[in-house]
Structure formats: C-alpha cells, structure tokens
C-alpha cells in the first residue's frame, strides 16, 4: 500500500483560510473586493444564529470555499480550473444570493441578515465577473499533465 505524502505545515488546518488576510497585499483590487464579499457573507450567515439552519450552513460553505480559492491564488498565482477563479467566485456569489432571496421569500428570516448576505453576494459576483473579464480565457494555457 502506497503511503500518501503529507502536506507541508503551512497547508494544514485552518491556517489556510487565514492566508488571504495575512498576504492581503498580494491580492489585486478585485480579489480584495471578493475577500470582503466572502467575509460579509460569513458575517451575514452567522448573524441569524438563533435560526441557523441548512441555508445558513450552505452560505457559510460557499464563503469558506471562496476564501480557500483566494488562498490558492495567493499560494501559486495560478488556478487550474477550466472556468478560472473569477467565474467560480461569480457563480458562488450568484448561488448564495439565490439561496438568500429564496430564504427571504419563503421563510420568516431576519431581513437584516439577508440584506447583509445579499450585499456580500453582490460584491462576490461583481468582483468575480470583473476578474474573469480582465484575465480573459486563459484556462486552456494550464498544463494539466504536470
């Protein structure tokens, strides 16, 4: 049985989610906006704490995934995905906004937290789309074989 290689110390645990904050200057302006949007979504989902459920957990999961994506950008400055990180950030923001609006329409959620979440989603969506437009279709330039 082949042993799996261990990750380096700096890639373990929750430290990876702090990487965009500790290396904030390495991010460009639109990724900083996306970082702010992810943090706003996290705060907005936690604001509805007494009624914390599956919807808030999904919002929190998307925000943590966006933080991880930004940390990956800080680590390597390349993102090997056919859709690039800008598109994935925009889709995450749009998906979270749809979840928040659906929750506001069909549930008696606190409007304060939903407004905060939708503002964060708008920041994620717009920053992701601008990142995508600025970078262009470079996903085919990555060498997936290596």
C-alpha atoms as a PDB file:
ATOM      1  CA  UNK A   1       0.000   0.000   0.000  1.00  0.00           C
ATOM      2  CA  UNK A   2       1.475   3.334  -1.058  1.00  0.00           C
ATOM      3  CA  UNK A   3       1.716   5.973   1.625  1.00  0.00           C
ATOM      4  CA  UNK A   4       0.148   9.300   0.925  1.00  0.00           C
ATOM      5  CA  UNK A   5       2.508  12.244   1.105  1.00  0.00           C
ATOM      6  CA  UNK A   6       1.800  14.673   3.906  1.00  0.00           C
ATOM      7  CA  UNK A   7       1.072  18.260   3.125  1.00  0.00           C
ATOM      8  CA  UNK A   8       3.584  20.867   4.234  1.00  0.00           C
ATOM      9  CA  UNK A   9       2.954  22.542   7.568  1.00  0.00           C
ATOM     10  CA  UNK A  10       1.735  25.792   6.018  1.00  0.00           C
ATOM     11  CA  UNK A  11      -1.006  23.928   4.108  1.00  0.00           C
ATOM     12  CA  UNK A  12      -2.593  22.239   7.106  1.00  0.00           C
ATOM     13  CA  UNK A  13      -5.648  23.140   9.106  1.00  0.00           C
ATOM     14  CA  UNK A  14      -7.440  26.431   9.376  1.00  0.00           C
ATOM     15  CA  UNK A  15      -4.272  28.422   8.677  1.00  0.00           C
ATOM     16  CA  UNK A  16      -5.027  28.106   5.018  1.00  0.00           C
ATOM     17  CA  UNK A  17      -8.190  30.178   5.422  1.00  0.00           C
ATOM     18  CA  UNK A  18      -6.170  32.948   7.047  1.00  0.00           C
ATOM     19  CA  UNK A  19      -3.776  33.138   4.100  1.00  0.00           C
ATOM     20  CA  UNK A  20      -5.740  35.829   2.174  1.00  0.00           C
ATOM     21  CA  UNK A  21      -5.722  38.008   5.300  1.00  0.00           C
ATOM     22  CA  UNK A  22      -2.041  37.555   6.102  1.00  0.00           C
ATOM     23  CA  UNK A  23      -0.985  38.088   2.478  1.00  0.00           C
ATOM     24  CA  UNK A  24      -3.552  40.784   1.711  1.00  0.00           C
ATOM     25  CA  UNK A  25      -1.084  42.875  -0.286  1.00  0.00           C
ATOM     26  CA  UNK A  26      -0.542  40.048  -2.782  1.00  0.00           C
ATOM     27  CA  UNK A  27      -4.184  40.222  -3.869  1.00  0.00           C
ATOM     28  CA  UNK A  28      -5.244  42.579  -6.606  1.00  0.00           C
ATOM     29  CA  UNK A  29      -8.090  45.027  -6.007  1.00  0.00           C
ATOM     30  CA  UNK A  30     -10.897  42.837  -7.309  1.00  0.00           C
ATOM     31  CA  UNK A  31      -9.776  39.850  -5.284  1.00  0.00           C
ATOM     32  CA  UNK A  32      -9.764  42.121  -2.234  1.00  0.00           C
ATOM     33  CA  UNK A  33     -13.386  43.014  -3.021  1.00  0.00           C
ATOM     34  CA  UNK A  34     -14.171  39.295  -3.349  1.00  0.00           C
ATOM     35  CA  UNK A  35     -12.469  38.677   0.002  1.00  0.00           C
ATOM     36  CA  UNK A  36     -14.614  41.376   1.572  1.00  0.00           C
ATOM     37  CA  UNK A  37     -17.728  39.870  -0.021  1.00  0.00           C
ATOM     38  CA  UNK A  38     -16.901  36.414   1.346  1.00  0.00           C
ATOM     39  CA  UNK A  39     -16.361  37.850   4.821  1.00  0.00           C
ATOM     40  CA  UNK A  40     -19.660  39.765   4.599  1.00  0.00           C
ATOM     41  CA  UNK A  41     -21.489  36.583   3.580  1.00  0.00           C
ATOM     42  CA  UNK A  42     -19.930  34.771   6.551  1.00  0.00           C
ATOM     43  CA  UNK A  43     -20.964  37.536   8.953  1.00  0.00           C
ATOM     44  CA  UNK A  44     -24.466  37.703   7.494  1.00  0.00           C
ATOM     45  CA  UNK A  45     -24.996  33.974   7.786  1.00  0.00           C
ATOM     46  CA  UNK A  46     -23.781  33.978  11.381  1.00  0.00           C
ATOM     47  CA  UNK A  47     -25.992  36.991  12.251  1.00  0.00           C
ATOM     48  CA  UNK A  48     -29.065  34.763  12.003  1.00  0.00           C
ATOM     49  CA  UNK A  49     -27.626  32.483  14.690  1.00  0.00           C
ATOM     50  CA  UNK A  50     -30.773  31.556  16.624  1.00  0.00           C
ATOM     51  CA  UNK A  51     -32.349  30.383  13.359  1.00  0.00           C
ATOM     52  CA  UNK A  52     -29.161  28.856  11.954  1.00  0.00           C
ATOM     53  CA  UNK A  53     -30.106  26.054   9.581  1.00  0.00           C
ATOM     54  CA  UNK A  54     -29.237  24.414   6.283  1.00  0.00           C
ATOM     55  CA  UNK A  55     -29.493  27.630   4.287  1.00  0.00           C
ATOM     56  CA  UNK A  56     -27.085  29.497   6.519  1.00  0.00           C
ATOM     57  CA  UNK A  57     -24.755  26.489   6.507  1.00  0.00           C
ATOM     58  CA  UNK A  58     -24.788  26.496   2.690  1.00  0.00           C
ATOM     59  CA  UNK A  59     -23.984  30.219   2.653  1.00  0.00           C
ATOM     60  CA  UNK A  60     -21.143  29.678   5.090  1.00  0.00           C
ATOM     61  CA  UNK A  61     -19.787  26.788   2.996  1.00  0.00           C
ATOM     62  CA  UNK A  62     -19.743  28.916  -0.171  1.00  0.00           C
ATOM     63  CA  UNK A  63     -17.977  31.755   1.674  1.00  0.00           C
ATOM     64  CA  UNK A  64     -15.335  29.387   3.060  1.00  0.00           C
ATOM     65  CA  UNK A  65     -14.857  27.913  -0.426  1.00  0.00           C
ATOM     66  CA  UNK A  66     -14.288  31.402  -1.826  1.00  0.00           C
ATOM     67  CA  UNK A  67     -11.736  32.072   0.923  1.00  0.00           C
ATOM     68  CA  UNK A  68      -9.962  28.830   0.019  1.00  0.00           C
ATOM     69  CA  UNK A  69      -9.946  29.800  -3.640  1.00  0.00           C
ATOM     70  CA  UNK A  70      -8.383  33.161  -2.805  1.00  0.00           C
ATOM     71  CA  UNK A  71      -5.828  31.388  -0.607  1.00  0.00           C
ATOM     72  CA  UNK A  72      -4.971  29.136  -3.538  1.00  0.00           C
ATOM     73  CA  UNK A  73      -4.405  32.232  -5.661  1.00  0.00           C
ATOM     74  CA  UNK A  74      -2.021  33.624  -3.020  1.00  0.00           C
ATOM     75  CA  UNK A  75      -0.157  30.300  -2.864  1.00  0.00           C
ATOM     76  CA  UNK A  76       0.527  29.726  -6.551  1.00  0.00           C
ATOM     77  CA  UNK A  77      -0.848  32.641  -8.582  1.00  0.00           C
ATOM     78  CA  UNK A  78      -2.400  30.022 -10.887  1.00  0.00           C
ATOM     79  CA  UNK A  79      -5.759  28.386 -10.662  1.00  0.00           C
ATOM     80  CA  UNK A  80      -6.061  25.195 -12.695  1.00  0.00           C
ATOM     81  CA  UNK A  81      -9.750  25.091 -13.441  1.00  0.00           C
ATOM     82  CA  UNK A  82     -11.495  25.183 -16.805  1.00  0.00           C
ATOM     83  CA  UNK A  83     -13.628  28.066 -15.568  1.00  0.00           C
ATOM     84  CA  UNK A  84     -10.954  30.185 -13.779  1.00  0.00           C
ATOM     85  CA  UNK A  85     -11.347  31.611 -10.308  1.00  0.00           C
ATOM     86  CA  UNK A  86     -13.273  34.705 -11.442  1.00  0.00           C
ATOM     87  CA  UNK A  87     -16.094  32.623 -12.882  1.00  0.00           C
ATOM     88  CA  UNK A  88     -16.218  30.386  -9.824  1.00  0.00           C
ATOM     89  CA  UNK A  89     -16.362  33.407  -7.497  1.00  0.00           C
ATOM     90  CA  UNK A  90     -19.195  34.893  -9.576  1.00  0.00           C
ATOM     91  CA  UNK A  91     -21.140  31.619  -9.566  1.00  0.00           C
ATOM     92  CA  UNK A  92     -20.648  31.311  -5.796  1.00  0.00           C
ATOM     93  CA  UNK A  93     -21.960  34.838  -5.269  1.00  0.00           C
ATOM     94  CA  UNK A  94     -24.946  34.257  -7.548  1.00  0.00           C
ATOM     95  CA  UNK A  95     -25.797  30.922  -5.930  1.00  0.00           C
ATOM     96  CA  UNK A  96     -25.622  32.375  -2.425  1.00  0.00           C
ATOM     97  CA  UNK A  97     -27.783  35.338  -3.487  1.00  0.00           C
ATOM     98  CA  UNK A  98     -30.419  32.962  -4.890  1.00  0.00           C
ATOM     99  CA  UNK A  99     -30.387  30.964  -1.657  1.00  0.00           C
ATOM    100  CA  UNK A 100     -30.720  34.149   0.423  1.00  0.00           C
ATOM    101  CA  UNK A 101     -33.540  35.554  -1.698  1.00  0.00           C
ATOM    102  CA  UNK A 102     -35.374  32.225  -1.632  1.00  0.00           C
ATOM    103  CA  UNK A 103     -34.986  32.126   2.120  1.00  0.00           C
ATOM    104  CA  UNK A 104     -36.331  35.683   2.417  1.00  0.00           C
ATOM    105  CA  UNK A 105     -39.335  34.887   0.221  1.00  0.00           C
ATOM    106  CA  UNK A 106     -40.380  31.567   1.716  1.00  0.00           C
ATOM    107  CA  UNK A 107     -39.241  31.876   5.307  1.00  0.00           C
ATOM    108  CA  UNK A 108     -39.566  34.445   8.059  1.00  0.00           C
ATOM    109  CA  UNK A 109     -35.879  35.199   8.135  1.00  0.00           C
ATOM    110  CA  UNK A 110     -34.483  38.319   9.686  1.00  0.00           C
ATOM    111  CA  UNK A 111     -34.262  40.930   6.930  1.00  0.00           C
ATOM    112  CA  UNK A 112     -31.101  42.416   8.444  1.00  0.00           C
ATOM    113  CA  UNK A 113     -29.046  39.294   7.890  1.00  0.00           C
ATOM    114  CA  UNK A 114     -30.496  38.682   4.426  1.00  0.00           C
ATOM    115  CA  UNK A 115     -29.641  42.221   3.294  1.00  0.00           C
ATOM    116  CA  UNK A 116     -26.085  41.802   4.564  1.00  0.00           C
ATOM    117  CA  UNK A 117     -25.749  38.450   2.779  1.00  0.00           C
ATOM    118  CA  UNK A 118     -27.108  39.834  -0.494  1.00  0.00           C
ATOM    119  CA  UNK A 119     -24.639  42.765  -0.331  1.00  0.00           C
ATOM    120  CA  UNK A 120     -21.780  40.317   0.153  1.00  0.00           C
ATOM    121  CA  UNK A 121     -23.081  38.176  -2.706  1.00  0.00           C
ATOM    122  CA  UNK A 122     -23.228  41.205  -4.986  1.00  0.00           C
ATOM    123  CA  UNK A 123     -19.604  42.009  -4.121  1.00  0.00           C
ATOM    124  CA  UNK A 124     -18.572  38.399  -4.835  1.00  0.00           C
ATOM    125  CA  UNK A 125     -20.482  38.277  -8.111  1.00  0.00           C
ATOM    126  CA  UNK A 126     -19.254  41.612  -9.460  1.00  0.00           C
ATOM    127  CA  UNK A 127     -15.643  41.050  -8.395  1.00  0.00           C
ATOM    128  CA  UNK A 128     -15.673  37.566  -9.917  1.00  0.00           C
ATOM    129  CA  UNK A 129     -17.057  38.788 -13.224  1.00  0.00           C
ATOM    130  CA  UNK A 130     -14.534  41.635 -13.436  1.00  0.00           C
ATOM    131  CA  UNK A 131     -11.674  39.234 -12.612  1.00  0.00           C
ATOM    132  CA  UNK A 132     -12.914  36.951 -15.383  1.00  0.00           C
ATOM    133  CA  UNK A 133     -13.181  39.785 -17.926  1.00  0.00           C
ATOM    134  CA  UNK A 134      -9.724  41.122 -17.041  1.00  0.00           C
ATOM    135  CA  UNK A 135      -7.975  37.758 -17.315  1.00  0.00           C
ATOM    136  CA  UNK A 136      -9.660  36.542 -20.462  1.00  0.00           C
ATOM    137  CA  UNK A 137      -9.928  32.891 -21.498  1.00  0.00           C
ATOM    138  CA  UNK A 138      -6.574  31.660 -20.178  1.00  0.00           C
ATOM    139  CA  UNK A 139      -7.794  28.343 -18.786  1.00  0.00           C
ATOM    140  CA  UNK A 140      -6.508  26.397 -21.792  1.00  0.00           C
ATOM    141  CA  UNK A 141      -2.943  27.598 -21.168  1.00  0.00           C
ATOM    142  CA  UNK A 142      -2.548  25.500 -17.998  1.00  0.00           C
ATOM    143  CA  UNK A 143      -0.619  22.277 -18.237  1.00  0.00           C
ATOM    144  CA  UNK A 144      -2.883  19.746 -16.534  1.00  0.00           C
ATOM    145  CA  UNK A 145      -0.491  16.868 -17.186  1.00  0.00           C
ATOM    146  CA  UNK A 146       2.145  18.149 -14.762  1.00  0.00           C
END
